[in-house]
Amino acid sequence: MILRTLAALHARCLLAEHRLSNRHAGGDRRAGDRGQTTAEYALVIVGAAAVALLLLAWATGSGKIATLLDKVVDTVANMVN
């Protein structure tokens, strides 16, 4: 499901990039397309945030973050001593 969503978001980004390159190359500028690119970028940001939240939820639930922070604090403490 996540892979399918990311693929769809990637396809939308490629389409948006194509539209932007056509506009800069002298392509037509239809009024209805102006806000669509902004909406597509917003969807990509929402998708990235969803993936980050899923990763954070996994890492928090598995205790990986606590272990990582413990190792960082121990390493810094050993460097100071």
PDB file of N, CA and C in Angstrom:
ATOM      1  N   MET A   1       0.818  -1.180   0.000  1.00  0.00           N
ATOM      2  CA  MET A   1       0.000   0.000   0.000  1.00  0.00           C
ATOM      3  C   MET A   1       0.867   1.250   0.000  1.00  0.00           C
ATOM      4  N   ILE A   2       1.894   1.283   0.875  1.00  0.00           N
ATOM      5  CA  ILE A   2       2.764   2.453   0.933  1.00  0.00           C
ATOM      6  C   ILE A   2       3.530   2.607  -0.369  1.00  0.00           C
ATOM      7  N   LEU A   3       4.014   1.491  -0.908  1.00  0.00           N
ATOM      8  CA  LEU A   3       4.761   1.548  -2.158  1.00  0.00           C
ATOM      9  C   LEU A   3       3.890   2.070  -3.294  1.00  0.00           C
ATOM     10  N   ARG A   4       2.644   1.631  -3.339  1.00  0.00           N
ATOM     11  CA  ARG A   4       1.721   2.081  -4.383  1.00  0.00           C
ATOM     12  C   ARG A   4       1.461   3.580  -4.236  1.00  0.00           C
ATOM     13  N   THR A   5       1.298   4.043  -3.017  1.00  0.00           N
ATOM     14  CA  THR A   5       1.058   5.464  -2.776  1.00  0.00           C
ATOM     15  C   THR A   5       2.274   6.288  -3.170  1.00  0.00           C
ATOM     16  N   LEU A   6       3.458   5.822  -2.797  1.00  0.00           N
ATOM     17  CA  LEU A   6       4.677   6.548  -3.168  1.00  0.00           C
ATOM     18  C   LEU A   6       4.875   6.581  -4.682  1.00  0.00           C
ATOM     19  N   ALA A   7       4.548   5.477  -5.359  1.00  0.00           N
ATOM     20  CA  ALA A   7       4.659   5.447  -6.818  1.00  0.00           C
ATOM     21  C   ALA A   7       3.701   6.452  -7.452  1.00  0.00           C
ATOM     22  N   ALA A   8       2.480   6.536  -6.919  1.00  0.00           N
ATOM     23  CA  ALA A   8       1.514   7.496  -7.446  1.00  0.00           C
ATOM     24  C   ALA A   8       1.989   8.927  -7.209  1.00  0.00           C
ATOM     25  N   LEU A   9       2.539   9.194  -6.028  1.00  0.00           N
ATOM     26  CA  LEU A   9       3.052  10.530  -5.740  1.00  0.00           C
ATOM     27  C   LEU A   9       4.234  10.878  -6.634  1.00  0.00           C
ATOM     28  N   HIS A  10       5.092   9.902  -6.890  1.00  0.00           N
ATOM     29  CA  HIS A  10       6.238  10.129  -7.772  1.00  0.00           C
ATOM     30  C   HIS A  10       5.759  10.453  -9.186  1.00  0.00           C
ATOM     31  N   ALA A  11       4.765   9.716  -9.654  1.00  0.00           N
ATOM     32  CA  ALA A  11       4.225   9.972 -10.994  1.00  0.00           C
ATOM     33  C   ALA A  11       3.639  11.382 -11.069  1.00  0.00           C
ATOM     34  N   ARG A  12       2.959  11.807 -10.017  1.00  0.00           N
ATOM     35  CA  ARG A  12       2.392  13.164 -10.003  1.00  0.00           C
ATOM     36  C   ARG A  12       3.502  14.216 -10.029  1.00  0.00           C
ATOM     37  N   CYS A  13       4.585  13.959  -9.318  1.00  0.00           N
ATOM     38  CA  CYS A  13       5.707  14.902  -9.322  1.00  0.00           C
ATOM     39  C   CYS A  13       6.334  15.006 -10.704  1.00  0.00           C
ATOM     40  N   LEU A  14       6.495  13.866 -11.365  1.00  0.00           N
ATOM     41  CA  LEU A  14       7.052  13.883 -12.712  1.00  0.00           C
ATOM     42  C   LEU A  14       6.142  14.641 -13.666  1.00  0.00           C
ATOM     43  N   LEU A  15       4.835  14.457 -13.526  1.00  0.00           N
ATOM     44  CA  LEU A  15       3.881  15.176 -14.360  1.00  0.00           C
ATOM     45  C   LEU A  15       3.960  16.674 -14.088  1.00  0.00           C
ATOM     46  N   ALA A  16       4.069  17.043 -12.813  1.00  0.00           N
ATOM     47  CA  ALA A  16       4.177  18.456 -12.457  1.00  0.00           C
ATOM     48  C   ALA A  16       5.456  19.058 -13.026  1.00  0.00           C
ATOM     49  N   GLU A  17       6.548  18.319 -12.951  1.00  0.00           N
ATOM     50  CA  GLU A  17       7.815  18.806 -13.493  1.00  0.00           C
ATOM     51  C   GLU A  17       7.709  19.003 -15.005  1.00  0.00           C
ATOM     52  N   HIS A  18       7.056  18.071 -15.669  1.00  0.00           N
ATOM     53  CA  HIS A  18       6.867  18.176 -17.117  1.00  0.00           C
ATOM     54  C   HIS A  18       6.043  19.417 -17.457  1.00  0.00           C
ATOM     55  N   ARG A  19       4.990  19.649 -16.695  1.00  0.00           N
ATOM     56  CA  ARG A  19       4.149  20.821 -16.945  1.00  0.00           C
ATOM     57  C   ARG A  19       4.926  22.109 -16.715  1.00  0.00           C
ATOM     58  N   LEU A  20       5.725  22.140 -15.663  1.00  0.00           N
ATOM     59  CA  LEU A  20       6.509  23.340 -15.383  1.00  0.00           C
ATOM     60  C   LEU A  20       7.543  23.598 -16.472  1.00  0.00           C
ATOM     61  N   SER A  21       8.173  22.541 -16.965  1.00  0.00           N
ATOM     62  CA  SER A  21       9.175  22.727 -18.014  1.00  0.00           C
ATOM     63  C   SER A  21       8.519  23.205 -19.300  1.00  0.00           C
ATOM     64  N   ASN A  22       7.291  22.747 -19.578  1.00  0.00           N
ATOM     65  CA  ASN A  22       6.568  23.234 -20.760  1.00  0.00           C
ATOM     66  C   ASN A  22       6.219  24.704 -20.621  1.00  0.00           C
ATOM     67  N   ARG A  23       5.875  25.143 -19.431  1.00  0.00           N
ATOM     68  CA  ARG A  23       5.527  26.547 -19.219  1.00  0.00           C
ATOM     69  C   ARG A  23       6.738  27.438 -19.444  1.00  0.00           C
ATOM     70  N   HIS A  24       7.898  26.990 -18.948  1.00  0.00           N
ATOM     71  CA  HIS A  24       9.101  27.800 -19.107  1.00  0.00           C
ATOM     72  C   HIS A  24       9.607  27.769 -20.545  1.00  0.00           C
ATOM     73  N   ALA A  25       9.234  26.765 -21.290  1.00  0.00           N
ATOM     74  CA  ALA A  25       9.668  26.659 -22.684  1.00  0.00           C
ATOM     75  C   ALA A  25       8.679  27.338 -23.626  1.00  0.00           C
ATOM     76  N   GLY A  26       7.701  28.054 -23.082  1.00  0.00           N
ATOM     77  CA  GLY A  26       6.753  28.759 -23.932  1.00  0.00           C
ATOM     78  C   GLY A  26       5.469  27.988 -24.156  1.00  0.00           C
ATOM     79  N   GLY A  27       5.220  26.970 -23.367  1.00  0.00           N
ATOM     80  CA  GLY A  27       3.988  26.194 -23.509  1.00  0.00           C
ATOM     81  C   GLY A  27       2.791  26.997 -23.053  1.00  0.00           C
ATOM     82  N   ASP A  28       1.613  26.432 -23.247  1.00  0.00           N
ATOM     83  CA  ASP A  28       0.401  27.162 -22.870  1.00  0.00           C
ATOM     84  C   ASP A  28       0.244  27.195 -21.355  1.00  0.00           C
ATOM     85  N   ARG A  29      -0.387  28.246 -20.877  1.00  0.00           N
ATOM     86  CA  ARG A  29      -0.607  28.420 -19.440  1.00  0.00           C
ATOM     87  C   ARG A  29      -2.106  28.496 -19.216  1.00  0.00           C
ATOM     88  N   ARG A  30      -2.701  27.354 -19.000  1.00  0.00           N
ATOM     89  CA  ARG A  30      -4.131  27.331 -18.727  1.00  0.00           C
ATOM     90  C   ARG A  30      -4.369  27.714 -17.275  1.00  0.00           C
ATOM     91  N   ALA A  31      -5.405  28.486 -17.038  1.00  0.00           N
ATOM     92  CA  ALA A  31      -5.694  28.986 -15.691  1.00  0.00           C
ATOM     93  C   ALA A  31      -5.989  27.848 -14.716  1.00  0.00           C
ATOM     94  N   GLY A  32      -6.589  26.754 -15.172  1.00  0.00           N
ATOM     95  CA  GLY A  32      -6.952  25.659 -14.294  1.00  0.00           C
ATOM     96  C   GLY A  32      -5.765  24.856 -13.798  1.00  0.00           C
ATOM     97  N   ASP A  33      -4.622  24.945 -14.465  1.00  0.00           N
ATOM     98  CA  ASP A  33      -3.448  24.155 -14.093  1.00  0.00           C
ATOM     99  C   ASP A  33      -2.567  24.839 -13.067  1.00  0.00           C
ATOM    100  N   ARG A  34      -2.763  26.114 -12.831  1.00  0.00           N
ATOM    101  CA  ARG A  34      -1.855  26.852 -11.953  1.00  0.00           C
ATOM    102  C   ARG A  34      -1.876  26.319 -10.526  1.00  0.00           C
ATOM    103  N   GLY A  35      -3.045  26.108  -9.955  1.00  0.00           N
ATOM    104  CA  GLY A  35      -3.141  25.615  -8.588  1.00  0.00           C
ATOM    105  C   GLY A  35      -2.910  24.130  -8.469  1.00  0.00           C
ATOM    106  N   GLN A  36      -3.000  23.423  -9.594  1.00  0.00           N
ATOM    107  CA  GLN A  36      -2.849  21.970  -9.558  1.00  0.00           C
ATOM    108  C   GLN A  36      -1.435  21.579  -9.169  1.00  0.00           C
ATOM    109  N   THR A  37      -0.445  22.286  -9.653  1.00  0.00           N
ATOM    110  CA  THR A  37       0.940  21.975  -9.316  1.00  0.00           C
ATOM    111  C   THR A  37       1.181  22.153  -7.823  1.00  0.00           C
ATOM    112  N   THR A  38       0.641  23.209  -7.256  1.00  0.00           N
ATOM    113  CA  THR A  38       0.775  23.429  -5.816  1.00  0.00           C
ATOM    114  C   THR A  38       0.123  22.297  -5.037  1.00  0.00           C
ATOM    115  N   ALA A  39      -1.034  21.853  -5.485  1.00  0.00           N
ATOM    116  CA  ALA A  39      -1.729  20.748  -4.825  1.00  0.00           C
ATOM    117  C   ALA A  39      -0.914  19.463  -4.923  1.00  0.00           C
ATOM    118  N   GLU A  40      -0.261  19.245  -6.049  1.00  0.00           N
ATOM    119  CA  GLU A  40       0.547  18.039  -6.214  1.00  0.00           C
ATOM    120  C   GLU A  40       1.740  18.056  -5.262  1.00  0.00           C
ATOM    121  N   TYR A  41       2.377  19.190  -5.116  1.00  0.00           N
ATOM    122  CA  TYR A  41       3.488  19.283  -4.170  1.00  0.00           C
ATOM    123  C   TYR A  41       2.995  19.081  -2.741  1.00  0.00           C
ATOM    124  N   ALA A  42       1.817  19.601  -2.441  1.00  0.00           N
ATOM    125  CA  ALA A  42       1.249  19.407  -1.109  1.00  0.00           C
ATOM    126  C   ALA A  42       0.991  17.926  -0.844  1.00  0.00           C
ATOM    127  N   LEU A  43       0.528  17.200  -1.852  1.00  0.00           N
ATOM    128  CA  LEU A  43       0.305  15.763  -1.700  1.00  0.00           C
ATOM    129  C   LEU A  43       1.615  15.028  -1.437  1.00  0.00           C
ATOM    130  N   VAL A  44       2.668  15.434  -2.095  1.00  0.00           N
ATOM    131  CA  VAL A  44       3.973  14.805  -1.880  1.00  0.00           C
ATOM    132  C   VAL A  44       4.440  15.051  -0.441  1.00  0.00           C
ATOM    133  N   ILE A  45       4.245  16.262   0.047  1.00  0.00           N
ATOM    134  CA  ILE A  45       4.642  16.568   1.421  1.00  0.00           C
ATOM    135  C   ILE A  45       3.824  15.749   2.411  1.00  0.00           C
ATOM    136  N   VAL A  46       2.519  15.612   2.157  1.00  0.00           N
ATOM    137  CA  VAL A  46       1.673  14.799   3.037  1.00  0.00           C
ATOM    138  C   VAL A  46       2.126  13.343   3.014  1.00  0.00           C
ATOM    139  N   GLY A  47       2.466  12.839   1.833  1.00  0.00           N
ATOM    140  CA  GLY A  47       2.952  11.454   1.717  1.00  0.00           C
ATOM    141  C   GLY A  47       4.260  11.252   2.466  1.00  0.00           C
ATOM    142  N   ALA A  48       5.167  12.197   2.338  1.00  0.00           N
ATOM    143  CA  ALA A  48       6.447  12.091   3.041  1.00  0.00           C
ATOM    144  C   ALA A  48       6.243  12.148   4.554  1.00  0.00           C
ATOM    145  N   ALA A  49       5.329  12.998   4.993  1.00  0.00           N
ATOM    146  CA  ALA A  49       5.043  13.080   6.427  1.00  0.00           C
ATOM    147  C   ALA A  49       4.435  11.778   6.934  1.00  0.00           C
ATOM    148  N   ALA A  50       3.582  11.153   6.124  1.00  0.00           N
ATOM    149  CA  ALA A  50       2.968   9.881   6.527  1.00  0.00           C
ATOM    150  C   ALA A  50       4.028   8.790   6.670  1.00  0.00           C
ATOM    151  N   VAL A  51       4.954   8.738   5.734  1.00  0.00           N
ATOM    152  CA  VAL A  51       6.031   7.751   5.809  1.00  0.00           C
ATOM    153  C   VAL A  51       6.893   8.009   7.047  1.00  0.00           C
ATOM    154  N   ALA A  52       7.188   9.290   7.316  1.00  0.00           N
ATOM    155  CA  ALA A  52       7.990   9.628   8.490  1.00  0.00           C
ATOM    156  C   ALA A  52       7.272   9.233   9.779  1.00  0.00           C
ATOM    157  N   LEU A  53       5.963   9.440   9.831  1.00  0.00           N
ATOM    158  CA  LEU A  53       5.211   9.052  11.021  1.00  0.00           C
ATOM    159  C   LEU A  53       5.195   7.543  11.209  1.00  0.00           C
ATOM    160  N   LEU A  54       5.050   6.809  10.110  1.00  0.00           N
ATOM    161  CA  LEU A  54       5.089   5.349  10.209  1.00  0.00           C
ATOM    162  C   LEU A  54       6.449   4.868  10.713  1.00  0.00           C
ATOM    163  N   LEU A  55       7.504   5.461  10.199  1.00  0.00           N
ATOM    164  CA  LEU A  55       8.853   5.102  10.634  1.00  0.00           C
ATOM    165  C   LEU A  55       9.059   5.452  12.102  1.00  0.00           C
ATOM    166  N   LEU A  56       8.579   6.614  12.506  1.00  0.00           N
ATOM    167  CA  LEU A  56       8.699   7.022  13.904  1.00  0.00           C
ATOM    168  C   LEU A  56       7.908   6.094  14.824  1.00  0.00           C
ATOM    169  N   ALA A  57       6.708   5.717  14.398  1.00  0.00           N
ATOM    170  CA  ALA A  57       5.891   4.811  15.211  1.00  0.00           C
ATOM    171  C   ALA A  57       6.577   3.455  15.358  1.00  0.00           C
ATOM    172  N   TRP A  58       7.166   2.945  14.275  1.00  0.00           N
ATOM    173  CA  TRP A  58       7.877   1.674  14.343  1.00  0.00           C
ATOM    174  C   TRP A  58       9.084   1.776  15.268  1.00  0.00           C
ATOM    175  N   ALA A  59       9.863   2.841  15.089  1.00  0.00           N
ATOM    176  CA  ALA A  59      11.085   2.989  15.876  1.00  0.00           C
ATOM    177  C   ALA A  59      10.767   3.179  17.353  1.00  0.00           C
ATOM    178  N   THR A  60       9.721   3.904  17.657  1.00  0.00           N
ATOM    179  CA  THR A  60       9.346   4.122  19.054  1.00  0.00           C
ATOM    180  C   THR A  60       8.829   2.831  19.680  1.00  0.00           C
ATOM    181  N   GLY A  61       8.006   2.099  18.934  1.00  0.00           N
ATOM    182  CA  GLY A  61       7.443   0.861  19.454  1.00  0.00           C
ATOM    183  C   GLY A  61       8.466  -0.236  19.646  1.00  0.00           C
ATOM    184  N   SER A  62       9.505  -0.237  18.831  1.00  0.00           N
ATOM    185  CA  SER A  62      10.508  -1.292  18.923  1.00  0.00           C
ATOM    186  C   SER A  62      11.632  -0.956  19.907  1.00  0.00           C
ATOM    187  N   GLY A  63      11.665   0.272  20.419  1.00  0.00           N
ATOM    188  CA  GLY A  63      12.703   0.664  21.369  1.00  0.00           C
ATOM    189  C   GLY A  63      14.015   1.055  20.721  1.00  0.00           C
ATOM    190  N   LYS A  64      14.031   1.200  19.413  1.00  0.00           N
ATOM    191  CA  LYS A  64      15.269   1.534  18.705  1.00  0.00           C
ATOM    192  C   LYS A  64      15.760   2.936  19.039  1.00  0.00           C
ATOM    193  N   ILE A  65      14.842   3.867  19.220  1.00  0.00           N
ATOM    194  CA  ILE A  65      15.250   5.242  19.507  1.00  0.00           C
ATOM    195  C   ILE A  65      15.903   5.324  20.878  1.00  0.00           C
ATOM    196  N   ALA A  66      15.313   4.663  21.863  1.00  0.00           N
ATOM    197  CA  ALA A  66      15.895   4.674  23.210  1.00  0.00           C
ATOM    198  C   ALA A  66      17.291   4.068  23.194  1.00  0.00           C
ATOM    199  N   THR A  67      17.469   2.976  22.473  1.00  0.00           N
ATOM    200  CA  THR A  67      18.786   2.339  22.373  1.00  0.00           C
ATOM    201  C   THR A  67      19.792   3.266  21.700  1.00  0.00           C
ATOM    202  N   LEU A  68      19.357   3.927  20.630  1.00  0.00           N
ATOM    203  CA  LEU A  68      20.234   4.854  19.921  1.00  0.00           C
ATOM    204  C   LEU A  68      20.651   6.005  20.834  1.00  0.00           C
ATOM    205  N   LEU A  69      19.699   6.599  21.530  1.00  0.00           N
ATOM    206  CA  LEU A  69      20.030   7.705  22.420  1.00  0.00           C
ATOM    207  C   LEU A  69      20.948   7.268  23.558  1.00  0.00           C
ATOM    208  N   ASP A  70      20.727   6.069  24.091  1.00  0.00           N
ATOM    209  CA  ASP A  70      21.612   5.548  25.138  1.00  0.00           C
ATOM    210  C   ASP A  70      23.043   5.417  24.631  1.00  0.00           C
ATOM    211  N   LYS A  71      23.194   4.912  23.409  1.00  0.00           N
ATOM    212  CA  LYS A  71      24.538   4.752  22.837  1.00  0.00           C
ATOM    213  C   LYS A  71      25.205   6.100  22.607  1.00  0.00           C
ATOM    214  N   VAL A  72      24.436   7.080  22.129  1.00  0.00           N
ATOM    215  CA  VAL A  72      25.004   8.408  21.879  1.00  0.00           C
ATOM    216  C   VAL A  72      25.459   9.035  23.188  1.00  0.00           C
ATOM    217  N   VAL A  73      24.625   8.974  24.222  1.00  0.00           N
ATOM    218  CA  VAL A  73      24.983   9.561  25.516  1.00  0.00           C
ATOM    219  C   VAL A  73      26.198   8.847  26.116  1.00  0.00           C
ATOM    220  N   ASP A  74      26.243   7.527  26.017  1.00  0.00           N
ATOM    221  CA  ASP A  74      27.391   6.774  26.532  1.00  0.00           C
ATOM    222  C   ASP A  74      28.673   7.140  25.798  1.00  0.00           C
ATOM    223  N   THR A  75      28.590   7.284  24.485  1.00  0.00           N
ATOM    224  CA  THR A  75      29.772   7.642  23.692  1.00  0.00           C
ATOM    225  C   THR A  75      30.277   9.025  24.062  1.00  0.00           C
ATOM    226  N   VAL A  76      29.356   9.987  24.191  1.00  0.00           N
ATOM    227  CA  VAL A  76      29.759  11.339  24.575  1.00  0.00           C
ATOM    228  C   VAL A  76      30.343  11.347  25.986  1.00  0.00           C
ATOM    229  N   ALA A  77      29.745  10.602  26.904  1.00  0.00           N
ATOM    230  CA  ALA A  77      30.261  10.539  28.274  1.00  0.00           C
ATOM    231  C   ALA A  77      31.657   9.941  28.305  1.00  0.00           C
ATOM    232  N   ASN A  78      31.908   8.916  27.492  1.00  0.00           N
ATOM    233  CA  ASN A  78      33.236   8.309  27.437  1.00  0.00           C
ATOM    234  C   ASN A  78      34.266   9.255  26.834  1.00  0.00           C
ATOM    235  N   MET A  79      33.864  10.109  25.910  1.00  0.00           N
ATOM    236  CA  MET A  79      34.778  11.076  25.301  1.00  0.00           C
ATOM    237  C   MET A  79      35.166  12.154  26.301  1.00  0.00           C
ATOM    238  N   VAL A  80      34.239  12.513  27.183  1.00  0.00           N
ATOM    239  CA  VAL A  80      34.499  13.567  28.160  1.00  0.00           C
ATOM    240  C   VAL A  80      35.440  13.054  29.246  1.00  0.00           C
ATOM    241  N   ASN A  81      35.274  11.809  29.646  1.00  0.00           N
ATOM    242  CA  ASN A  81      36.117  11.260  30.726  1.00  0.00           C
ATOM    243  C   ASN A  81      37.510  11.071  30.287  1.00  0.00           C
TER     244      ASN A  81
END
